């Protein structure tokens, strides 16, 4: 799948999420999409940047339980 396909798919997911939320919580449409994006994409990249190609690797400064 190319980048345009990913964009289209993500847009469809957000549109479906919005339509499902608006029917039940009319004032939360944008906060739900923002929360979805933040929790599914940004948080994992912050927690594990080497897994997303943001950094090449991490250096272990100390080991837990080391004397």
Protein backbone atom coordinates (compact mmCIF):
# COMPACT_ATOMS: atom_id res chain seq x y z
CA UNK A 1 0.00 0.00 0.00
CA UNK A 2 1.39 3.38 -0.94
CA UNK A 3 1.20 6.63 1.02
CA UNK A 4 -1.95 7.81 -0.76
CA UNK A 5 -3.67 4.54 0.14
CA UNK A 6 -2.69 4.93 3.79
CA UNK A 7 -3.98 8.49 3.84
CA UNK A 8 -7.26 7.43 2.27
CA UNK A 9 -7.67 4.54 4.71
CA UNK A 10 -6.87 6.71 7.75
CA UNK A 11 -9.33 9.32 6.53
CA UNK A 12 -12.05 6.67 6.14
CA UNK A 13 -11.36 5.35 9.65
CA UNK A 14 -11.60 8.86 11.11
CA UNK A 15 -14.81 9.58 9.20
CA UNK A 16 -16.40 6.36 10.48
CA UNK A 17 -15.21 7.04 14.02
CA UNK A 18 -16.65 10.54 13.83
CA UNK A 19 -20.01 9.36 12.50
CA UNK A 20 -20.31 6.76 15.27
CA UNK A 21 -19.39 9.23 18.01
CA UNK A 22 -21.57 12.14 16.81
CA UNK A 23 -24.74 10.11 17.13
CA UNK A 24 -24.08 9.45 20.81
CA UNK A 25 -21.83 12.35 21.93
CA UNK A 26 -22.48 15.33 19.62
CA UNK A 27 -19.91 17.64 21.25
CA UNK A 28 -17.04 15.14 21.27
CA UNK A 29 -16.44 14.56 17.56
CA UNK A 30 -13.05 16.28 17.33
CA UNK A 31 -11.71 15.26 20.73
CA UNK A 32 -12.35 11.60 19.89
CA UNK A 33 -10.45 11.82 16.61
CA UNK A 34 -7.61 13.73 18.28
CA UNK A 35 -7.48 11.18 21.10
CA UNK A 36 -7.48 8.30 18.62
CA UNK A 37 -4.62 9.80 16.65
CA UNK A 38 -2.64 10.68 19.77
CA UNK A 39 -3.04 7.30 21.47
CA UNK A 40 -2.53 5.14 18.38
CA UNK A 41 0.26 7.02 16.62
CA UNK A 42 2.00 9.64 18.75
CA UNK A 43 2.21 7.82 22.09
CA UNK A 44 3.80 4.67 20.65
CA UNK A 45 6.33 6.80 18.78
CA UNK A 46 7.17 8.70 21.97
CA UNK A 47 7.52 5.55 24.05
CA UNK A 48 9.51 3.60 21.47
CA UNK A 49 11.10 5.97 18.93
CA UNK A 50 13.60 3.38 17.72
CA UNK A 51 10.71 1.11 16.69
CA UNK A 52 9.39 3.82 14.36
CA UNK A 53 12.69 4.83 12.80
CA UNK A 54 12.80 8.16 14.63
CA UNK A 55 16.16 7.35 16.22
CA UNK A 56 18.67 4.68 15.25
CA UNK A 57 18.91 3.09 18.68
CA UNK A 58 19.14 3.81 22.33
CA UNK A 59 22.03 3.44 24.68
CA UNK A 60 21.43 1.71 27.99
CA UNK A 61 22.73 3.98 30.72
CA UNK A 62 22.21 1.57 33.59
CA UNK A 63 20.70 -1.83 34.15
CA UNK A 64 18.03 -2.51 36.72
CA UNK A 65 19.44 -4.58 39.59
CA UNK A 66 23.07 -4.04 38.58
CA UNK A 67 25.48 -3.85 41.56
